Amino acid sequence: APVFAEARYSARVPENNAAGALVLRVRAADADWGENARVRYRLWEGRVRGAPLSSYVSVEAETG
């Protein structure tokens, strides 16, 4: 299974943060070989004030 560089990640976002601004970068590695070592990231879909979390933030699937 992938292992994250940090046990827990946390970020504070300014109220008027610019669209597209970096909020947080996470990193994980998998000890497998080849395609099985590939780590892809995704946002667990939740809701914020009734709107999908993905309407507020996005995740770069390849880089975290």
PDB file of N, CA and C in Angstrom:
ATOM      1  N   ALA A   1       0.845  -1.197   0.000  1.00  0.00           N
ATOM      2  CA  ALA A   1       0.000   0.000   0.000  1.00  0.00           C
ATOM      3  C   ALA A   1       0.882   1.249   0.000  1.00  0.00           C
ATOM      4  N   PRO A   2       0.412   2.333  -0.597  1.00  0.00           N
ATOM      5  CA  PRO A   2       1.187   3.580  -0.577  1.00  0.00           C
ATOM      6  C   PRO A   2       1.399   4.076   0.849  1.00  0.00           C
ATOM      7  N   VAL A   3       2.530   4.717   1.055  1.00  0.00           N
ATOM      8  CA  VAL A   3       2.876   5.302   2.346  1.00  0.00           C
ATOM      9  C   VAL A   3       3.048   6.798   2.140  1.00  0.00           C
ATOM     10  N   PHE A   4       2.320   7.588   2.914  1.00  0.00           N
ATOM     11  CA  PHE A   4       2.423   9.039   2.807  1.00  0.00           C
ATOM     12  C   PHE A   4       3.632   9.556   3.567  1.00  0.00           C
ATOM     13  N   ALA A   5       4.218  10.651   3.073  1.00  0.00           N
ATOM     14  CA  ALA A   5       5.389  11.259   3.699  1.00  0.00           C
ATOM     15  C   ALA A   5       5.061  11.776   5.092  1.00  0.00           C
ATOM     16  N   GLU A   6       3.845  12.221   5.312  1.00  0.00           N
ATOM     17  CA  GLU A   6       3.392  12.723   6.606  1.00  0.00           C
ATOM     18  C   GLU A   6       2.211  11.879   7.079  1.00  0.00           C
ATOM     19  N   ALA A   7       2.094  11.702   8.375  1.00  0.00           N
ATOM     20  CA  ALA A   7       0.971  10.945   8.918  1.00  0.00           C
ATOM     21  C   ALA A   7      -0.337  11.723   8.785  1.00  0.00           C
ATOM     22  N   ARG A   8      -0.241  13.049   8.820  1.00  0.00           N
ATOM     23  CA  ARG A   8      -1.430  13.898   8.751  1.00  0.00           C
ATOM     24  C   ARG A   8      -1.049  15.193   8.050  1.00  0.00           C
ATOM     25  N   TYR A   9      -1.948  15.697   7.242  1.00  0.00           N
ATOM     26  CA  TYR A   9      -1.726  16.964   6.540  1.00  0.00           C
ATOM     27  C   TYR A   9      -2.773  17.967   6.981  1.00  0.00           C
ATOM     28  N   SER A  10      -2.392  19.227   7.032  1.00  0.00           N
ATOM     29  CA  SER A  10      -3.296  20.286   7.418  1.00  0.00           C
ATOM     30  C   SER A  10      -2.918  21.552   6.667  1.00  0.00           C
ATOM     31  N   ALA A  11      -3.910  22.355   6.321  1.00  0.00           N
ATOM     32  CA  ALA A  11      -3.637  23.614   5.614  1.00  0.00           C
ATOM     33  C   ALA A  11      -4.653  24.658   6.030  1.00  0.00           C
ATOM     34  N   ARG A  12      -4.220  25.887   6.020  1.00  0.00           N
ATOM     35  CA  ARG A  12      -5.121  27.023   6.243  1.00  0.00           C
ATOM     36  C   ARG A  12      -5.225  27.762   4.921  1.00  0.00           C
ATOM     37  N   VAL A  13      -6.431  28.138   4.582  1.00  0.00           N
ATOM     38  CA  VAL A  13      -6.669  28.818   3.316  1.00  0.00           C
ATOM     39  C   VAL A  13      -7.169  30.224   3.605  1.00  0.00           C
ATOM     40  N   PRO A  14      -6.473  31.250   3.082  1.00  0.00           N
ATOM     41  CA  PRO A  14      -6.952  32.620   3.284  1.00  0.00           C
ATOM     42  C   PRO A  14      -8.354  32.796   2.707  1.00  0.00           C
ATOM     43  N   GLU A  15      -9.122  33.677   3.299  1.00  0.00           N
ATOM     44  CA  GLU A  15     -10.503  33.885   2.875  1.00  0.00           C
ATOM     45  C   GLU A  15     -10.605  34.256   1.401  1.00  0.00           C
ATOM     46  N   ASN A  16      -9.715  35.081   0.912  1.00  0.00           N
ATOM     47  CA  ASN A  16      -9.763  35.540  -0.475  1.00  0.00           C
ATOM     48  C   ASN A  16      -8.654  34.913  -1.310  1.00  0.00           C
ATOM     49  N   ASN A  17      -8.390  33.646  -1.093  1.00  0.00           N
ATOM     50  CA  ASN A  17      -7.363  32.933  -1.836  1.00  0.00           C
ATOM     51  C   ASN A  17      -7.679  32.981  -3.331  1.00  0.00           C
ATOM     52  N   ALA A  18      -6.656  33.230  -4.138  1.00  0.00           N
ATOM     53  CA  ALA A  18      -6.845  33.315  -5.592  1.00  0.00           C
ATOM     54  C   ALA A  18      -7.211  31.953  -6.175  1.00  0.00           C
ATOM     55  N   ALA A  19      -8.080  31.951  -7.154  1.00  0.00           N
ATOM     56  CA  ALA A  19      -8.441  30.712  -7.844  1.00  0.00           C
ATOM     57  C   ALA A  19      -7.184  30.095  -8.457  1.00  0.00           C
ATOM     58  N   GLY A  20      -7.027  28.801  -8.283  1.00  0.00           N
ATOM     59  CA  GLY A  20      -5.875  28.095  -8.837  1.00  0.00           C
ATOM     60  C   GLY A  20      -4.641  28.111  -7.959  1.00  0.00           C
ATOM     61  N   ALA A  21      -4.693  28.790  -6.814  1.00  0.00           N
ATOM     62  CA  ALA A  21      -3.537  28.867  -5.922  1.00  0.00           C
ATOM     63  C   ALA A  21      -3.305  27.521  -5.239  1.00  0.00           C
ATOM     64  N   LEU A  22      -2.036  27.192  -5.019  1.00  0.00           N
ATOM     65  CA  LEU A  22      -1.677  25.970  -4.316  1.00  0.00           C
ATOM     66  C   LEU A  22      -2.082  26.088  -2.849  1.00  0.00           C
ATOM     67  N   VAL A  23      -2.790  25.097  -2.352  1.00  0.00           N
ATOM     68  CA  VAL A  23      -3.222  25.081  -0.958  1.00  0.00           C
ATOM     69  C   VAL A  23      -2.348  24.134  -0.155  1.00  0.00           C
ATOM     70  N   LEU A  24      -2.093  22.951  -0.689  1.00  0.00           N
ATOM     71  CA  LEU A  24      -1.359  21.925   0.035  1.00  0.00           C
ATOM     72  C   LEU A  24      -0.814  20.911  -0.956  1.00  0.00           C
ATOM     73  N   ARG A  25       0.376  20.405  -0.704  1.00  0.00           N
ATOM     74  CA  ARG A  25       0.927  19.341  -1.533  1.00  0.00           C
ATOM     75  C   ARG A  25       1.170  18.133  -0.638  1.00  0.00           C
ATOM     76  N   VAL A  26       0.702  16.989  -1.069  1.00  0.00           N
ATOM     77  CA  VAL A  26       0.930  15.739  -0.347  1.00  0.00           C
ATOM     78  C   VAL A  26       1.835  14.851  -1.182  1.00  0.00           C
ATOM     79  N   ARG A  27       2.488  13.888  -0.511  1.00  0.00           N
ATOM     80  CA  ARG A  27       3.385  12.997  -1.230  1.00  0.00           C
ATOM     81  C   ARG A  27       3.277  11.608  -0.640  1.00  0.00           C
ATOM     82  N   ALA A  28       3.205  10.633  -1.522  1.00  0.00           N
ATOM     83  CA  ALA A  28       3.157   9.234  -1.104  1.00  0.00           C
ATOM     84  C   ALA A  28       4.026   8.420  -2.047  1.00  0.00           C
ATOM     85  N   ALA A  29       4.492   7.283  -1.569  1.00  0.00           N
ATOM     86  CA  ALA A  29       5.294   6.378  -2.393  1.00  0.00           C
ATOM     87  C   ALA A  29       4.808   4.961  -2.167  1.00  0.00           C
ATOM     88  N   ASP A  30       4.967   4.145  -3.194  1.00  0.00           N
ATOM     89  CA  ASP A  30       4.580   2.742  -3.127  1.00  0.00           C
ATOM     90  C   ASP A  30       5.810   1.911  -3.458  1.00  0.00           C
ATOM     91  N   ALA A  31       6.129   0.933  -2.655  1.00  0.00           N
ATOM     92  CA  ALA A  31       7.347   0.137  -2.822  1.00  0.00           C
ATOM     93  C   ALA A  31       7.243  -0.913  -3.925  1.00  0.00           C
ATOM     94  N   ASP A  32       6.072  -1.057  -4.548  1.00  0.00           N
ATOM     95  CA  ASP A  32       5.929  -2.013  -5.646  1.00  0.00           C
ATOM     96  C   ASP A  32       6.768  -1.576  -6.848  1.00  0.00           C
ATOM     97  N   TRP A  33       6.755  -2.404  -7.889  1.00  0.00           N
ATOM     98  CA  TRP A  33       7.513  -2.122  -9.112  1.00  0.00           C
ATOM     99  C   TRP A  33       6.591  -1.738 -10.246  1.00  0.00           C
ATOM    100  N   GLY A  34       7.108  -0.960 -11.183  1.00  0.00           N
ATOM    101  CA  GLY A  34       6.396  -0.640 -12.410  1.00  0.00           C
ATOM    102  C   GLY A  34       5.066   0.035 -12.171  1.00  0.00           C
ATOM    103  N   GLU A  35       4.061  -0.392 -12.933  1.00  0.00           N
ATOM    104  CA  GLU A  35       2.731   0.213 -12.861  1.00  0.00           C
ATOM    105  C   GLU A  35       2.117   0.080 -11.472  1.00  0.00           C
ATOM    106  N   ASN A  36       2.457  -0.981 -10.743  1.00  0.00           N
ATOM    107  CA  ASN A  36       1.915  -1.178  -9.395  1.00  0.00           C
ATOM    108  C   ASN A  36       2.480  -0.181  -8.387  1.00  0.00           C
ATOM    109  N   ALA A  37       3.559   0.491  -8.734  1.00  0.00           N
ATOM    110  CA  ALA A  37       4.153   1.494  -7.844  1.00  0.00           C
ATOM    111  C   ALA A  37       3.572   2.881  -8.089  1.00  0.00           C
ATOM    112  N   ARG A  38       2.756   2.999  -9.103  1.00  0.00           N
ATOM    113  CA  ARG A  38       2.182   4.299  -9.462  1.00  0.00           C
ATOM    114  C   ARG A  38       1.159   4.737  -8.415  1.00  0.00           C
ATOM    115  N   VAL A  39       1.308   5.962  -7.959  1.00  0.00           N
ATOM    116  CA  VAL A  39       0.376   6.529  -6.975  1.00  0.00           C
ATOM    117  C   VAL A  39      -0.441   7.605  -7.673  1.00  0.00           C
ATOM    118  N   ARG A  40      -1.743   7.521  -7.536  1.00  0.00           N
ATOM    119  CA  ARG A  40      -2.640   8.546  -8.066  1.00  0.00           C
ATOM    120  C   ARG A  40      -3.447   9.112  -6.898  1.00  0.00           C
ATOM    121  N   TYR A  41      -3.716  10.393  -6.964  1.00  0.00           N
ATOM    122  CA  TYR A  41      -4.405  11.085  -5.886  1.00  0.00           C
ATOM    123  C   TYR A  41      -5.799  11.496  -6.332  1.00  0.00           C
ATOM    124  N   ARG A  42      -6.725  11.512  -5.377  1.00  0.00           N
ATOM    125  CA  ARG A  42      -8.052  12.028  -5.658  1.00  0.00           C
ATOM    126  C   ARG A  42      -8.633  12.593  -4.368  1.00  0.00           C
ATOM    127  N   LEU A  43      -9.587  13.455  -4.534  1.00  0.00           N
ATOM    128  CA  LEU A  43     -10.252  14.096  -3.416  1.00  0.00           C
ATOM    129  C   LEU A  43     -11.466  13.263  -3.027  1.00  0.00           C
ATOM    130  N   TRP A  44     -11.586  12.951  -1.775  1.00  0.00           N
ATOM    131  CA  TRP A  44     -12.763  12.247  -1.291  1.00  0.00           C
ATOM    132  C   TRP A  44     -13.913  13.240  -1.339  1.00  0.00           C
ATOM    133  N   GLU A  45     -14.943  12.929  -2.063  1.00  0.00           N
ATOM    134  CA  GLU A  45     -16.020  13.893  -2.280  1.00  0.00           C
ATOM    135  C   GLU A  45     -16.874  14.074  -1.026  1.00  0.00           C
ATOM    136  N   GLY A  46     -16.891  15.278  -0.558  1.00  0.00           N
ATOM    137  CA  GLY A  46     -17.716  15.648   0.576  1.00  0.00           C
ATOM    138  C   GLY A  46     -18.528  16.875   0.202  1.00  0.00           C
ATOM    139  N   ARG A  47     -19.138  17.485   1.171  1.00  0.00           N
ATOM    140  CA  ARG A  47     -19.929  18.674   0.913  1.00  0.00           C
ATOM    141  C   ARG A  47     -19.545  19.768   1.905  1.00  0.00           C
ATOM    142  N   VAL A  48     -19.560  21.005   1.436  1.00  0.00           N
ATOM    143  CA  VAL A  48     -19.296  22.182   2.256  1.00  0.00           C
ATOM    144  C   VAL A  48     -20.469  23.128   2.062  1.00  0.00           C
ATOM    145  N   ARG A  49     -21.192  23.387   3.128  1.00  0.00           N
ATOM    146  CA  ARG A  49     -22.370  24.259   3.061  1.00  0.00           C
ATOM    147  C   ARG A  49     -23.318  23.837   1.940  1.00  0.00           C
ATOM    148  N   GLY A  50     -23.465  22.527   1.752  1.00  0.00           N
ATOM    149  CA  GLY A  50     -24.380  21.991   0.760  1.00  0.00           C
ATOM    150  C   GLY A  50     -23.812  21.846  -0.638  1.00  0.00           C
ATOM    151  N   ALA A  51     -22.627  22.411  -0.898  1.00  0.00           N
ATOM    152  CA  ALA A  51     -22.018  22.332  -2.225  1.00  0.00           C
ATOM    153  C   ALA A  51     -20.938  21.248  -2.226  1.00  0.00           C
ATOM    154  N   PRO A  52     -20.702  20.602  -3.369  1.00  0.00           N
ATOM    155  CA  PRO A  52     -19.659  19.583  -3.443  1.00  0.00           C
ATOM    156  C   PRO A  52     -18.283  20.190  -3.116  1.00  0.00           C
ATOM    157  N   LEU A  53     -17.482  19.463  -2.368  1.00  0.00           N
ATOM    158  CA  LEU A  53     -16.134  19.918  -2.030  1.00  0.00           C
ATOM    159  C   LEU A  53     -15.338  20.250  -3.286  1.00  0.00           C
ATOM    160  N   SER A  54     -15.562  19.498  -4.353  1.00  0.00           N
ATOM    161  CA  SER A  54     -14.834  19.723  -5.603  1.00  0.00           C
ATOM    162  C   SER A  54     -15.153  21.063  -6.251  1.00  0.00           C
ATOM    163  N   SER A  55     -16.180  21.756  -5.797  1.00  0.00           N
ATOM    164  CA  SER A  55     -16.446  23.093  -6.319  1.00  0.00           C
ATOM    165  C   SER A  55     -15.555  24.140  -5.643  1.00  0.00           C
ATOM    166  N   TYR A  56     -14.856  23.724  -4.579  1.00  0.00           N
ATOM    167  CA  TYR A  56     -13.945  24.622  -3.871  1.00  0.00           C
ATOM    168  C   TYR A  56     -12.483  24.326  -4.152  1.00  0.00           C
ATOM    169  N   VAL A  57     -12.120  23.052  -4.222  1.00  0.00           N
ATOM    170  CA  VAL A  57     -10.726  22.661  -4.419  1.00  0.00           C
ATOM    171  C   VAL A  57     -10.646  21.498  -5.407  1.00  0.00           C
ATOM    172  N   SER A  58      -9.462  21.319  -5.969  1.00  0.00           N
ATOM    173  CA  SER A  58      -9.222  20.189  -6.866  1.00  0.00           C
ATOM    174  C   SER A  58      -7.872  19.570  -6.517  1.00  0.00           C
ATOM    175  N   VAL A  59      -7.657  18.371  -7.007  1.00  0.00           N
ATOM    176  CA  VAL A  59      -6.424  17.639  -6.736  1.00  0.00           C
ATOM    177  C   VAL A  59      -5.791  17.251  -8.062  1.00  0.00           C
ATOM    178  N   GLU A  60      -4.496  17.485  -8.196  1.00  0.00           N
ATOM    179  CA  GLU A  60      -3.751  17.023  -9.353  1.00  0.00           C
ATOM    180  C   GLU A  60      -3.486  15.545  -9.158  1.00  0.00           C
ATOM    181  N   ALA A  61      -4.102  14.689  -9.957  1.00  0.00           N
ATOM    182  CA  ALA A  61      -4.082  13.241  -9.758  1.00  0.00           C
ATOM    183  C   ALA A  61      -2.682  12.634  -9.814  1.00  0.00           C
ATOM    184  N   GLU A  62      -1.807  13.184 -10.624  1.00  0.00           N
ATOM    185  CA  GLU A  62      -0.469  12.605 -10.788  1.00  0.00           C
ATOM    186  C   GLU A  62       0.534  13.062  -9.734  1.00  0.00           C
ATOM    187  N   THR A  63       0.394  14.295  -9.266  1.00  0.00           N
ATOM    188  CA  THR A  63       1.418  14.865  -8.379  1.00  0.00           C
ATOM    189  C   THR A  63       0.966  15.090  -6.947  1.00  0.00           C
ATOM    190  N   GLY A  64      -0.327  14.999  -6.694  1.00  0.00           N
ATOM    191  CA  GLY A  64      -0.832  15.242  -5.341  1.00  0.00           C
ATOM    192  C   GLY A  64      -0.947  16.697  -5.059  1.00  0.00           C
TER     193      GLY A  64
END
